[in-house]
Protein backbone atom coordinates (compact mmCIF):
# COMPACT_ATOMS: atom_id res chain seq x y z
CA MET A 1 -22.03 -58.05 -130.03
CA SER A 2 -22.22 -58.05 -126.56
CA VAL A 3 -24.74 -59.40 -124.11
CA HIS A 4 -28.34 -57.77 -123.47
CA PRO A 5 -29.19 -56.73 -119.92
CA GLY A 6 -32.72 -58.54 -119.50
CA HIS A 7 -35.94 -57.16 -118.39
CA VAL A 8 -36.30 -55.40 -115.30
CA LEU A 9 -37.55 -58.09 -112.61
CA ALA A 10 -40.52 -57.34 -110.08
CA HIS A 11 -38.02 -57.75 -107.24
CA CYS A 12 -35.57 -55.19 -108.56
CA ILE A 13 -32.60 -53.82 -106.26
CA SER A 14 -32.27 -49.83 -106.75
CA LEU A 15 -28.61 -49.59 -107.29
CA THR A 16 -27.68 -45.62 -105.69
CA TRP A 17 -26.28 -43.98 -108.75
CA HIS A 18 -24.02 -40.70 -108.88
CA ASP A 19 -22.95 -38.03 -111.38
CA GLN A 20 -18.95 -38.51 -111.43
CA PRO A 21 -16.97 -42.11 -111.30
CA LEU A 22 -14.43 -42.55 -108.74
CA GLY A 23 -11.61 -41.47 -110.97
CA PRO A 24 -10.25 -41.96 -113.87
CA TYR A 25 -11.24 -46.05 -115.33
CA ARG A 26 -11.50 -49.46 -117.11
CA VAL A 27 -13.80 -50.72 -118.93
CA VAL A 28 -13.44 -54.29 -118.18
CA ASP A 29 -16.92 -55.56 -119.50
CA HIS A 30 -19.98 -53.43 -121.52
CA THR A 31 -23.18 -54.03 -122.73
CA CYS A 32 -24.53 -53.71 -126.57
CA ALA A 33 -24.44 -50.21 -127.38
CA CYS A 34 -27.48 -50.86 -129.75
CA ARG A 35 -30.27 -49.98 -126.92
CA ALA A 36 -31.07 -45.97 -125.41
CA VAL A 37 -29.06 -47.58 -121.95
CA VAL A 38 -25.39 -49.54 -122.24
CA TYR A 39 -23.43 -50.20 -119.13
CA GLU A 40 -20.38 -51.09 -118.55
CA LEU A 41 -18.13 -52.66 -115.42
CA VAL A 42 -15.16 -50.74 -114.84
CA THR A 43 -12.62 -50.63 -112.55
CA ILE A 44 -10.80 -47.17 -110.85
CA GLY A 45 -7.74 -48.72 -108.91
CA GLY A 46 -8.57 -51.91 -107.46
CA THR A 47 -11.94 -51.00 -107.08
CA PHE A 48 -15.36 -50.98 -109.30
CA GLN A 49 -18.18 -49.26 -110.60
CA ILE A 50 -21.44 -49.48 -112.82
CA HIS A 51 -21.31 -47.12 -115.19
CA ARG A 52 -24.67 -46.36 -116.78
CA LEU A 53 -24.31 -44.02 -120.16
CA THR A 54 -28.02 -43.15 -121.41
CA GLN A 55 -27.63 -42.54 -124.88
CA SER A 56 -29.10 -39.24 -125.48
CA GLU A 57 -28.02 -35.03 -125.89
CA PRO A 58 -25.93 -34.68 -124.35
CA PRO A 59 -25.08 -37.88 -123.21
CA GLN A 60 -25.86 -39.11 -119.85
CA HIS A 61 -23.82 -40.35 -117.65
CA ALA A 62 -24.08 -42.39 -113.72
CA TYR A 63 -22.05 -44.39 -111.79
CA ALA A 64 -23.10 -46.97 -108.95
CA GLY A 65 -21.01 -48.86 -106.03
CA SER A 66 -17.76 -49.07 -105.31
CA TRP A 67 -16.59 -53.08 -104.29
CA ARG A 68 -14.00 -55.38 -104.69
CA ARG A 69 -14.06 -57.80 -107.35
CA ALA A 70 -15.80 -60.36 -105.73
CA GLU A 71 -18.90 -58.49 -105.00
CA ALA A 72 -19.07 -56.00 -108.34
CA ALA A 73 -18.84 -59.30 -109.89
CA THR A 74 -22.29 -60.41 -107.70
CA TRP A 75 -24.41 -56.40 -108.54
CA TRP A 76 -22.89 -57.37 -112.69
CA LEU A 77 -24.36 -59.89 -112.74
CA ARG A 78 -27.73 -58.82 -110.84
CA LEU A 79 -27.55 -55.94 -113.63
CA LEU A 80 -27.89 -58.52 -116.81
CA LEU A 81 -30.34 -60.32 -115.06
CA GLY A 82 -32.82 -58.15 -113.78
CA SER A 83 -32.68 -58.29 -110.95
CA ALA A 84 -31.27 -54.85 -110.18
CA ARG A 85 -31.02 -51.61 -112.25
């Protein structure tokens, strides 16, 4: 079982989402798959993105960021705490 993202806070920062990843990636961390929307922290050749998977038919994928490790960790924590979406 993985962590569930927190409820969206009133001062939530909106991430800019794109349709495609930067390239082939490896999953570093993820939220629980029991919800309709699952988030993954992924790495692509030394950079990091957040992958948002909406479990629908067909599934919808979106990708945010192009960060180094420390900045990606900050955005991942913000997403988990509900202060970024």
